PDB file of N, CA and C in Angstrom:
ATOM      1  N   MET A   1     -24.377 -56.427   2.333  1.00  0.00           N
ATOM      2  CA  MET A   1     -24.428 -55.804   1.591  1.00  0.00           C
ATOM      3  C   MET A   1     -23.259 -56.069   0.628  1.00  0.00           C
ATOM      4  N   PHE A   2     -21.957 -56.128   0.814  1.00  0.00           N
ATOM      5  CA  PHE A   2     -21.076 -56.326   0.890  1.00  0.00           C
ATOM      6  C   PHE A   2     -21.066 -58.506  -0.425  1.00  0.00           C
ATOM      7  N   LEU A   3     -21.796 -58.830   0.259  1.00  0.00           N
ATOM      8  CA  LEU A   3     -21.749 -60.412   0.263  1.00  0.00           C
ATOM      9  C   LEU A   3     -22.661 -59.905  -1.179  1.00  0.00           C
ATOM     10  N   THR A   4     -24.113 -59.579  -0.985  1.00  0.00           N
ATOM     11  CA  THR A   4     -24.439 -59.489  -2.291  1.00  0.00           C
ATOM     12  C   THR A   4     -24.067 -58.696  -3.402  1.00  0.00           C
ATOM     13  N   LEU A   5     -23.625 -57.509  -3.321  1.00  0.00           N
ATOM     14  CA  LEU A   5     -22.593 -57.062  -4.524  1.00  0.00           C
ATOM     15  C   LEU A   5     -21.682 -58.084  -5.026  1.00  0.00           C
ATOM     16  N   THR A   6     -21.145 -58.523  -4.463  1.00  0.00           N
ATOM     17  CA  THR A   6     -19.734 -59.755  -4.789  1.00  0.00           C
ATOM     18  C   THR A   6     -20.290 -60.823  -5.292  1.00  0.00           C
ATOM     19  N   LEU A   7     -21.958 -60.879  -4.708  1.00  0.00           N
ATOM     20  CA  LEU A   7     -22.306 -62.256  -5.536  1.00  0.00           C
ATOM     21  C   LEU A   7     -23.247 -62.116  -6.751  1.00  0.00           C
ATOM     22  N   LEU A   8     -23.281 -60.955  -7.187  1.00  0.00           N
ATOM     23  CA  LEU A   8     -24.754 -60.508  -7.903  1.00  0.00           C
ATOM     24  C   LEU A   8     -23.795 -59.679  -8.914  1.00  0.00           C
ATOM     25  N   LYS A   9     -22.782 -59.031  -8.753  1.00  0.00           N
ATOM     26  CA  LYS A   9     -21.987 -58.522  -9.708  1.00  0.00           C
ATOM     27  C   LYS A   9     -20.364 -59.279  -9.850  1.00  0.00           C
ATOM     28  N   LYS A  10     -20.271 -60.020  -9.381  1.00  0.00           N
ATOM     29  CA  LYS A  10     -18.761 -60.648  -8.917  1.00  0.00           C
ATOM     30  C   LYS A  10     -17.470 -60.188  -9.315  1.00  0.00           C
ATOM     31  N   GLY A  11     -17.669 -59.135  -7.823  1.00  0.00           N
ATOM     32  CA  GLY A  11     -16.393 -58.040  -7.661  1.00  0.00           C
ATOM     33  C   GLY A  11     -16.980 -56.548  -7.750  1.00  0.00           C
ATOM     34  N   ILE A  12     -16.194 -55.845  -7.111  1.00  0.00           N
ATOM     35  CA  ILE A  12     -16.496 -54.265  -6.575  1.00  0.00           C
ATOM     36  C   ILE A  12     -16.210 -53.449  -7.969  1.00  0.00           C
ATOM     37  N   SER A  13     -17.116 -52.913  -7.887  1.00  0.00           N
ATOM     38  CA  SER A  13     -16.848 -51.607  -9.357  1.00  0.00           C
ATOM     39  C   SER A  13     -16.084 -51.103  -9.256  1.00  0.00           C
ATOM     40  N   GLY A  14     -15.574 -50.444  -9.947  1.00  0.00           N
ATOM     41  CA  GLY A  14     -14.404 -49.489  -9.600  1.00  0.00           C
ATOM     42  C   GLY A  14     -13.118 -50.192  -8.957  1.00  0.00           C
ATOM     43  N   LYS A  15     -12.721 -48.728  -8.344  1.00  0.00           N
ATOM     44  CA  LYS A  15     -11.271 -49.062  -7.672  1.00  0.00           C
ATOM     45  C   LYS A  15     -12.134 -49.775  -5.981  1.00  0.00           C
ATOM     46  N   GLN A  16     -11.170 -50.850  -5.953  1.00  0.00           N
ATOM     47  CA  GLN A  16     -11.574 -51.442  -4.716  1.00  0.00           C
ATOM     48  C   GLN A  16     -11.605 -51.112  -3.279  1.00  0.00           C
ATOM     49  N   TRP A  17     -10.624 -50.375  -3.300  1.00  0.00           N
ATOM     50  CA  TRP A  17     -10.113 -49.217  -2.036  1.00  0.00           C
ATOM     51  C   TRP A  17     -10.528 -47.920  -1.762  1.00  0.00           C
ATOM     52  N   ILE A  18     -11.269 -47.771  -2.915  1.00  0.00           N
ATOM     53  CA  ILE A  18     -11.882 -46.253  -2.402  1.00  0.00           C
ATOM     54  C   ILE A  18     -13.432 -45.870  -3.090  1.00  0.00           C
ATOM     55  N   GLY A  19     -14.177 -44.932  -2.632  1.00  0.00           N
ATOM     56  CA  GLY A  19     -15.382 -44.747  -3.270  1.00  0.00           C
ATOM     57  C   GLY A  19     -16.383 -45.615  -1.910  1.00  0.00           C
ATOM     58  N   LYS A  20     -17.828 -45.300  -2.561  1.00  0.00           N
ATOM     59  CA  LYS A  20     -18.963 -45.743  -1.277  1.00  0.00           C
ATOM     60  C   LYS A  20     -19.630 -46.859  -1.395  1.00  0.00           C
ATOM     61  N   TYR A  21     -18.480 -47.794  -2.286  1.00  0.00           N
ATOM     62  CA  TYR A  21     -18.923 -49.446  -1.884  1.00  0.00           C
ATOM     63  C   TYR A  21     -17.488 -49.955  -2.316  1.00  0.00           C
ATOM     64  N   ARG A  22     -16.770 -49.404  -1.027  1.00  0.00           N
ATOM     65  CA  ARG A  22     -15.185 -49.912  -1.313  1.00  0.00           C
ATOM     66  C   ARG A  22     -15.095 -51.348  -0.446  1.00  0.00           C
ATOM     67  N   ARG A  23     -13.869 -51.929  -0.567  1.00  0.00           N
ATOM     68  CA  ARG A  23     -14.049 -53.320   0.069  1.00  0.00           C
ATOM     69  C   ARG A  23     -13.125 -52.833   1.666  1.00  0.00           C
ATOM     70  N   PRO A  24     -13.580 -53.468   2.577  1.00  0.00           N
ATOM     71  CA  PRO A  24     -13.437 -53.034   3.838  1.00  0.00           C
ATOM     72  C   PRO A  24     -11.507 -53.363   3.855  1.00  0.00           C
ATOM     73  N   ARG A  25     -10.545 -52.700   4.575  1.00  0.00           N
ATOM     74  CA  ARG A  25      -9.455 -53.683   4.870  1.00  0.00           C
ATOM     75  C   ARG A  25      -9.433 -54.049   5.914  1.00  0.00           C
ATOM     76  N   GLN A  26      -9.243 -55.450   5.683  1.00  0.00           N
ATOM     77  CA  GLN A  26      -8.823 -56.308   6.876  1.00  0.00           C
ATOM     78  C   GLN A  26      -7.931 -55.481   8.110  1.00  0.00           C
ATOM     79  N   ILE A  27      -8.056 -55.843   9.404  1.00  0.00           N
ATOM     80  CA  ILE A  27      -7.637 -55.461  10.793  1.00  0.00           C
ATOM     81  C   ILE A  27      -6.654 -56.607  11.136  1.00  0.00           C
ATOM     82  N   THR A  28      -5.580 -55.840  10.864  1.00  0.00           N
ATOM     83  CA  THR A  28      -4.050 -56.419  11.156  1.00  0.00           C
ATOM     84  C   THR A  28      -4.056 -56.865  12.851  1.00  0.00           C
ATOM     85  N   TRP A  29      -2.986 -57.462  13.401  1.00  0.00           N
ATOM     86  CA  TRP A  29      -2.285 -57.522  14.734  1.00  0.00           C
ATOM     87  C   TRP A  29      -1.191 -56.402  14.756  1.00  0.00           C
ATOM     88  N   GLN A  30      -0.774 -56.129  13.840  1.00  0.00           N
ATOM     89  CA  GLN A  30       0.075 -54.577  14.174  1.00  0.00           C
ATOM     90  C   GLN A  30      -0.857 -53.304  14.493  1.00  0.00           C
ATOM     91  N   MET A  31      -2.018 -53.202  13.625  1.00  0.00           N
ATOM     92  CA  MET A  31      -2.816 -52.204  13.700  1.00  0.00           C
ATOM     93  C   MET A  31      -3.600 -52.291  15.045  1.00  0.00           C
ATOM     94  N   LYS A  32      -4.128 -53.036  15.314  1.00  0.00           N
ATOM     95  CA  LYS A  32      -4.786 -53.362  17.008  1.00  0.00           C
ATOM     96  C   LYS A  32      -3.133 -53.102  17.792  1.00  0.00           C
ATOM     97  N   ARG A  33      -2.205 -53.650  17.979  1.00  0.00           N
ATOM     98  CA  ARG A  33      -1.023 -52.962  18.237  1.00  0.00           C
ATOM     99  C   ARG A  33      -1.424 -51.326  18.328  1.00  0.00           C
ATOM    100  N   ASN A  34      -1.045 -50.615  17.749  1.00  0.00           N
ATOM    101  CA  ASN A  34      -0.786 -49.444  17.403  1.00  0.00           C
ATOM    102  C   ASN A  34      -1.618 -48.621  17.988  1.00  0.00           C
ATOM    103  N   THR A  35      -2.967 -48.985  17.999  1.00  0.00           N
ATOM    104  CA  THR A  35      -4.053 -48.628  18.515  1.00  0.00           C
ATOM    105  C   THR A  35      -3.983 -48.583  19.597  1.00  0.00           C
ATOM    106  N   LEU A  36      -3.550 -50.061  20.256  1.00  0.00           N
ATOM    107  CA  LEU A  36      -3.434 -50.092  22.007  1.00  0.00           C
ATOM    108  C   LEU A  36      -2.686 -48.996  22.349  1.00  0.00           C
ATOM    109  N   LYS A  37      -1.568 -49.002  21.783  1.00  0.00           N
ATOM    110  CA  LYS A  37      -0.147 -48.056  22.410  1.00  0.00           C
ATOM    111  C   LYS A  37      -0.419 -46.486  22.073  1.00  0.00           C
ATOM    112  N   HIS A  38      -1.564 -46.059  21.251  1.00  0.00           N
ATOM    113  CA  HIS A  38      -1.531 -44.964  20.850  1.00  0.00           C
ATOM    114  C   HIS A  38      -2.730 -44.775  21.839  1.00  0.00           C
ATOM    115  N   LEU A  39      -3.933 -45.624  22.644  1.00  0.00           N
ATOM    116  CA  LEU A  39      -4.737 -45.214  23.849  1.00  0.00           C
ATOM    117  C   LEU A  39      -4.064 -45.353  25.256  1.00  0.00           C
ATOM    118  N   GLU A  40      -2.994 -45.825  24.868  1.00  0.00           N
ATOM    119  CA  GLU A  40      -2.275 -46.142  26.662  1.00  0.00           C
ATOM    120  C   GLU A  40      -1.550 -44.794  26.739  1.00  0.00           C
ATOM    121  N   ARG A  41      -0.784 -44.485  25.845  1.00  0.00           N
ATOM    122  CA  ARG A  41      -0.064 -43.354  25.446  1.00  0.00           C
ATOM    123  C   ARG A  41      -1.019 -41.730  26.136  1.00  0.00           C
ATOM    124  N   GLU A  42      -2.524 -42.149  25.547  1.00  0.00           N
ATOM    125  CA  GLU A  42      -3.388 -41.098  25.400  1.00  0.00           C
ATOM    126  C   GLU A  42      -4.216 -41.126  27.082  1.00  0.00           C
ATOM    127  N   ALA A  43      -4.148 -42.281  27.468  1.00  0.00           N
ATOM    128  CA  ALA A  43      -4.653 -42.430  29.302  1.00  0.00           C
ATOM    129  C   ALA A  43      -3.414 -41.965  30.371  1.00  0.00           C
ATOM    130  N   GLU A  44      -1.834 -42.010  29.626  1.00  0.00           N
ATOM    131  CA  GLU A  44      -0.786 -41.269  30.543  1.00  0.00           C
ATOM    132  C   GLU A  44      -0.882 -40.284  30.273  1.00  0.00           C
ATOM    133  N   ASN A  45      -1.625 -39.569  29.000  1.00  0.00           N
ATOM    134  CA  ASN A  45      -1.577 -37.763  29.207  1.00  0.00           C
ATOM    135  C   ASN A  45      -2.517 -37.568  30.029  1.00  0.00           C
ATOM    136  N   GLU A  46      -3.483 -37.860  30.096  1.00  0.00           N
ATOM    137  CA  GLU A  46      -5.191 -37.846  30.726  1.00  0.00           C
ATOM    138  C   GLU A  46      -4.620 -37.688  32.455  1.00  0.00           C
ATOM    139  N   TYR A  47      -3.709 -38.721  32.768  1.00  0.00           N
ATOM    140  CA  TYR A  47      -3.671 -39.016  34.055  1.00  0.00           C
ATOM    141  C   TYR A  47      -2.366 -37.551  34.559  1.00  0.00           C
ATOM    142  N   TRP A  48      -1.640 -37.255  33.576  1.00  0.00           N
ATOM    143  CA  TRP A  48      -1.040 -36.088  34.025  1.00  0.00           C
ATOM    144  C   TRP A  48      -1.121 -34.960  34.066  1.00  0.00           C
ATOM    145  N   ILE A  49      -1.995 -34.603  32.912  1.00  0.00           N
ATOM    146  CA  ILE A  49      -3.069 -33.442  33.193  1.00  0.00           C
ATOM    147  C   ILE A  49      -4.361 -33.152  33.966  1.00  0.00           C
ATOM    148  N   SER A  50      -4.298 -34.525  34.351  1.00  0.00           N
ATOM    149  CA  SER A  50      -5.473 -34.332  35.424  1.00  0.00           C
ATOM    150  C   SER A  50      -4.717 -33.558  37.122  1.00  0.00           C
ATOM    151  N   ARG A  51      -3.737 -34.088  37.114  1.00  0.00           N
ATOM    152  CA  ARG A  51      -2.555 -33.307  38.835  1.00  0.00           C
ATOM    153  C   ARG A  51      -1.940 -32.001  37.893  1.00  0.00           C
ATOM    154  N   PRO A  52      -2.395 -31.099  38.621  1.00  0.00           N
ATOM    155  CA  PRO A  52      -1.438 -29.727  38.146  1.00  0.00           C
ATOM    156  C   PRO A  52      -0.493 -29.721  38.683  1.00  0.00           C
ATOM    157  N   TYR A  53       0.367 -28.535  38.448  1.00  0.00           N
ATOM    158  CA  TYR A  53       2.078 -28.770  39.142  1.00  0.00           C
ATOM    159  C   TYR A  53       1.750 -27.607  40.314  1.00  0.00           C
ATOM    160  N   MET A  54       1.129 -26.835  39.715  1.00  0.00           N
ATOM    161  CA  MET A  54       0.824 -25.871  40.858  1.00  0.00           C
ATOM    162  C   MET A  54      -0.016 -25.765  41.531  1.00  0.00           C
ATOM    163  N   THR A  55      -0.965 -25.054  42.826  1.00  0.00           N
ATOM    164  CA  THR A  55      -2.350 -25.414  43.501  1.00  0.00           C
ATOM    165  C   THR A  55      -2.441 -23.463  42.727  1.00  0.00           C
ATOM    166  N   ALA A  56      -3.927 -23.065  42.741  1.00  0.00           N
ATOM    167  CA  ALA A  56      -4.308 -22.391  42.524  1.00  0.00           C
ATOM    168  C   ALA A  56      -3.549 -20.832  43.167  1.00  0.00           C
ATOM    169  N   GLU A  57      -3.502 -20.920  44.998  1.00  0.00           N
ATOM    170  CA  GLU A  57      -3.056 -19.798  45.129  1.00  0.00           C
ATOM    171  C   GLU A  57      -1.308 -19.756  44.762  1.00  0.00           C
ATOM    172  N   GLN A  58      -0.850 -20.806  44.432  1.00  0.00           N
ATOM    173  CA  GLN A  58       0.492 -20.451  43.828  1.00  0.00           C
ATOM    174  C   GLN A  58       0.525 -19.864  42.654  1.00  0.00           C
ATOM    175  N   GLU A  59      -0.391 -20.630  41.385  1.00  0.00           N
ATOM    176  CA  GLU A  59      -0.324 -19.725  40.212  1.00  0.00           C
ATOM    177  C   GLU A  59      -0.885 -18.238  40.205  1.00  0.00           C
ATOM    178  N   TYR A  60      -1.938 -18.189  40.826  1.00  0.00           N
ATOM    179  CA  TYR A  60      -2.114 -16.770  40.891  1.00  0.00           C
ATOM    180  C   TYR A  60      -0.975 -15.574  41.266  1.00  0.00           C
ATOM    181  N   GLY A  61      -0.685 -15.034  40.158  1.00  0.00           N
ATOM    182  CA  GLY A  61       0.443 -13.472  39.877  1.00  0.00           C
ATOM    183  C   GLY A  61       1.547 -14.183  40.388  1.00  0.00           C
ATOM    184  N   HIS A  62       2.160 -15.286  39.313  1.00  0.00           N
ATOM    185  CA  HIS A  62       3.099 -16.016  39.826  1.00  0.00           C
ATOM    186  C   HIS A  62       4.059 -15.294  38.967  1.00  0.00           C
ATOM    187  N   ALA A  63       3.800 -14.960  37.716  1.00  0.00           N
ATOM    188  CA  ALA A  63       4.383 -14.606  36.530  1.00  0.00           C
ATOM    189  C   ALA A  63       4.312 -13.290  36.008  1.00  0.00           C
ATOM    190  N   ALA A  64       3.615 -12.472  37.146  1.00  0.00           N
ATOM    191  CA  ALA A  64       3.027 -10.869  37.545  1.00  0.00           C
ATOM    192  C   ALA A  64       4.935 -10.378  36.793  1.00  0.00           C
ATOM    193  N   GLU A  65       5.544 -10.526  38.009  1.00  0.00           N
ATOM    194  CA  GLU A  65       7.026 -10.104  37.672  1.00  0.00           C
ATOM    195  C   GLU A  65       7.790  -9.837  36.706  1.00  0.00           C
ATOM    196  N   ARG A  66       7.434 -11.181  36.095  1.00  0.00           N
ATOM    197  CA  ARG A  66       8.557 -11.296  34.906  1.00  0.00           C
ATOM    198  C   ARG A  66       7.950 -10.576  33.439  1.00  0.00           C
ATOM    199  N   ARG A  67       6.535 -11.040  33.729  1.00  0.00           N
ATOM    200  CA  ARG A  67       5.959 -10.199  32.872  1.00  0.00           C
ATOM    201  C   ARG A  67       5.705  -8.748  32.223  1.00  0.00           C
ATOM    202  N   ALA A  68       5.587  -8.050  34.027  1.00  0.00           N
ATOM    203  CA  ALA A  68       6.025  -6.598  33.548  1.00  0.00           C
ATOM    204  C   ALA A  68       7.825  -5.979  33.575  1.00  0.00           C
ATOM    205  N   GLN A  69       8.934  -6.961  33.478  1.00  0.00           N
ATOM    206  CA  GLN A  69      10.067  -6.733  33.055  1.00  0.00           C
ATOM    207  C   GLN A  69       9.833  -6.762  31.388  1.00  0.00           C
ATOM    208  N   ASN A  70       9.366  -7.750  31.199  1.00  0.00           N
ATOM    209  CA  ASN A  70       9.099  -8.058  29.611  1.00  0.00           C
ATOM    210  C   ASN A  70       8.860  -6.997  28.727  1.00  0.00           C
ATOM    211  N   TRP A  71       7.786  -6.695  29.737  1.00  0.00           N
ATOM    212  CA  TRP A  71       6.673  -5.243  28.700  1.00  0.00           C
ATOM    213  C   TRP A  71       7.667  -4.118  29.106  1.00  0.00           C
ATOM    214  N   LEU A  72       8.134  -3.715  30.057  1.00  0.00           N
ATOM    215  CA  LEU A  72       9.527  -2.765  30.151  1.00  0.00           C
ATOM    216  C   LEU A  72      10.155  -2.474  29.325  1.00  0.00           C
ATOM    217  N   LYS A  73      10.782  -3.812  29.051  1.00  0.00           N
ATOM    218  CA  LYS A  73      12.177  -4.144  27.656  1.00  0.00           C
ATOM    219  C   LYS A  73      11.062  -3.911  26.460  1.00  0.00           C
ATOM    220  N   ILE A  74      10.154  -4.119  26.126  1.00  0.00           N
ATOM    221  CA  ILE A  74       9.031  -3.984  25.255  1.00  0.00           C
ATOM    222  C   ILE A  74       9.147  -2.483  24.722  1.00  0.00           C
ATOM    223  N   LYS A  75       8.873  -2.047  25.596  1.00  0.00           N
ATOM    224  CA  LYS A  75       8.626  -0.695  25.818  1.00  0.00           C
ATOM    225  C   LYS A  75       9.562   0.703  25.371  1.00  0.00           C
ATOM    226  N   GLU A  76      10.905  -0.153  26.497  1.00  0.00           N
ATOM    227  CA  GLU A  76      12.264   0.703  25.564  1.00  0.00           C
ATOM    228  C   GLU A  76      12.584   0.874  24.838  1.00  0.00           C
ATOM    229  N   THR A  77      12.418  -0.757  23.856  1.00  0.00           N
ATOM    230  CA  THR A  77      13.531  -0.834  22.622  1.00  0.00           C
ATOM    231  C   THR A  77      12.035  -0.001  21.532  1.00  0.00           C
ATOM    232  N   LYS A  78      10.812   0.109  22.185  1.00  0.00           N
ATOM    233  CA  LYS A  78       9.742   0.776  20.946  1.00  0.00           C
ATOM    234  C   LYS A  78       9.922   2.758  20.898  1.00  0.00           C
ATOM    235  N   PHE A  79      10.460   2.874  22.372  1.00  0.00           N
ATOM    236  CA  PHE A  79      11.251   4.187  22.575  1.00  0.00           C
ATOM    237  C   PHE A  79      12.091   4.272  22.062  1.00  0.00           C
ATOM    238  N   ALA A  80      13.277   3.398  21.869  1.00  0.00           N
ATOM    239  CA  ALA A  80      14.508   4.234  21.470  1.00  0.00           C
ATOM    240  C   ALA A  80      15.203   4.964  20.326  1.00  0.00           C
ATOM    241  N   ASN A  81      14.018   4.777  18.938  1.00  0.00           N
ATOM    242  CA  ASN A  81      14.090   5.371  18.052  1.00  0.00           C
ATOM    243  C   ASN A  81      13.673   6.875  17.864  1.00  0.00           C
ATOM    244  N   PHE A  82      12.981   6.787  18.893  1.00  0.00           N
ATOM    245  CA  PHE A  82      11.760   8.004  18.947  1.00  0.00           C
ATOM    246  C   PHE A  82      12.699   9.087  19.640  1.00  0.00           C
ATOM    247  N   PRO A  83      12.005  10.015  18.284  1.00  0.00           N
ATOM    248  CA  PRO A  83      12.509  11.542  17.871  1.00  0.00           C
ATOM    249  C   PRO A  83      12.432  12.066  19.053  1.00  0.00           C
ATOM    250  N   GLU A  84      13.462  13.283  19.275  1.00  0.00           N
ATOM    251  CA  GLU A  84      12.893  14.521  20.499  1.00  0.00           C
ATOM    252  C   GLU A  84      12.237  15.038  20.237  1.00  0.00           C
ATOM    253  N   HIS A  85      11.840  15.700  21.793  1.00  0.00           N
ATOM    254  CA  HIS A  85      10.494  16.495  21.676  1.00  0.00           C
ATOM    255  C   HIS A  85      10.950  17.890  20.883  1.00  0.00           C
ATOM    256  N   LYS A  86       9.715  18.491  20.837  1.00  0.00           N
ATOM    257  CA  LYS A  86       9.873  19.987  20.080  1.00  0.00           C
ATOM    258  C   LYS A  86       9.142  20.676  20.598  1.00  0.00           C
ATOM    259  N   ARG A  87       9.511  21.784  21.620  1.00  0.00           N
ATOM    260  CA  ARG A  87       8.815  22.597  21.993  1.00  0.00           C
ATOM    261  C   ARG A  87       8.001  23.821  20.841  1.00  0.00           C
ATOM    262  N   ILE A  88       7.065  24.348  21.500  1.00  0.00           N
ATOM    263  CA  ILE A  88       6.358  25.238  20.738  1.00  0.00           C
ATOM    264  C   ILE A  88       6.700  26.488  20.392  1.00  0.00           C
ATOM    265  N   THR A  89       8.116  26.670  21.085  1.00  0.00           N
ATOM    266  CA  THR A  89       8.899  28.086  20.299  1.00  0.00           C
ATOM    267  C   THR A  89       9.625  27.718  19.049  1.00  0.00           C
ATOM    268  N   ASP A  90      10.068  26.374  18.984  1.00  0.00           N
ATOM    269  CA  ASP A  90      10.519  25.918  18.089  1.00  0.00           C
ATOM    270  C   ASP A  90      10.251  25.785  16.849  1.00  0.00           C
ATOM    271  N   HIS A  91       8.007  25.739  16.424  1.00  0.00           N
ATOM    272  CA  HIS A  91       7.835  25.778  15.581  1.00  0.00           C
ATOM    273  C   HIS A  91       7.522  27.076  15.471  1.00  0.00           C
ATOM    274  N   LEU A  92       7.008  28.234  16.443  1.00  0.00           N
ATOM    275  CA  LEU A  92       6.676  29.451  15.901  1.00  0.00           C
ATOM    276  C   LEU A  92       7.955  30.115  16.025  1.00  0.00           C
ATOM    277  N   SER A  93       9.147  29.794  15.936  1.00  0.00           N
ATOM    278  CA  SER A  93      10.307  30.733  15.725  1.00  0.00           C
ATOM    279  C   SER A  93      10.426  31.658  15.044  1.00  0.00           C
ATOM    280  N   HIS A  94       9.858  31.178  13.658  1.00  0.00           N
ATOM    281  CA  HIS A  94       9.617  31.756  12.698  1.00  0.00           C
ATOM    282  C   HIS A  94       8.491  33.152  12.620  1.00  0.00           C
ATOM    283  N   LEU A  95       8.280  32.958  13.381  1.00  0.00           N
ATOM    284  CA  LEU A  95       6.982  34.467  13.404  1.00  0.00           C
ATOM    285  C   LEU A  95       7.575  35.350  14.637  1.00  0.00           C
ATOM    286  N   ASN A  96       8.823  35.025  15.354  1.00  0.00           N
ATOM    287  CA  ASN A  96       9.501  35.904  15.919  1.00  0.00           C
ATOM    288  C   ASN A  96      10.080  36.898  15.133  1.00  0.00           C
ATOM    289  N   ILE A  97       9.812  38.076  14.471  1.00  0.00           N
ATOM    290  CA  ILE A  97      10.584  38.714  13.857  1.00  0.00           C
ATOM    291  C   ILE A  97      10.811  40.350  14.611  1.00  0.00           C
ATOM    292  N   THR A  98       9.933  40.442  15.661  1.00  0.00           N
ATOM    293  CA  THR A  98      10.603  41.645  16.311  1.00  0.00           C
ATOM    294  C   THR A  98      12.066  42.306  17.293  1.00  0.00           C
ATOM    295  N   LYS A  99      12.824  40.855  17.169  1.00  0.00           N
ATOM    296  CA  LYS A  99      13.827  40.341  17.898  1.00  0.00           C
ATOM    297  C   LYS A  99      15.041  40.983  16.837  1.00  0.00           C
ATOM    298  N   THR A 100      15.660  41.939  17.505  1.00  0.00           N
ATOM    299  CA  THR A 100      16.588  42.495  16.653  1.00  0.00           C
ATOM    300  C   THR A 100      17.782  41.809  16.800  1.00  0.00           C
ATOM    301  N   TRP A 101      18.979  41.755  15.596  1.00  0.00           N
ATOM    302  CA  TRP A 101      20.263  40.887  15.766  1.00  0.00           C
ATOM    303  C   TRP A 101      20.810  41.652  17.051  1.00  0.00           C
ATOM    304  N   SER A 102      21.331  42.476  17.483  1.00  0.00           N
ATOM    305  CA  SER A 102      22.021  43.469  18.738  1.00  0.00           C
ATOM    306  C   SER A 102      21.678  42.041  20.059  1.00  0.00           C
ATOM    307  N   SER A 103      20.535  42.081  20.197  1.00  0.00           N
ATOM    308  CA  SER A 103      19.999  41.885  21.231  1.00  0.00           C
ATOM    309  C   SER A 103      20.208  40.103  21.436  1.00  0.00           C
TER     310      SER A 103
END
């Protein structure tokens, strides 16, 4: 395809590095080396991911105590600025007009 384009048109129309009919880049030895390093790193990551740090029995509930403590800490900070409870007698004290001053 690129051969016929170059033979017929004497070059690639438009910008040669972008577009539908662009010129393909040359693969250099650095590109091959970088791809090989990337694949090796990915293979090593797959190796370490395939071996779990803890067994399923060890993993079950191992962080329950820490999570409970964190939840209590969050709850305490939430209720630290909570206003005091008000009783119903405080709300309805203005209706208590039968009491006298002397008693």
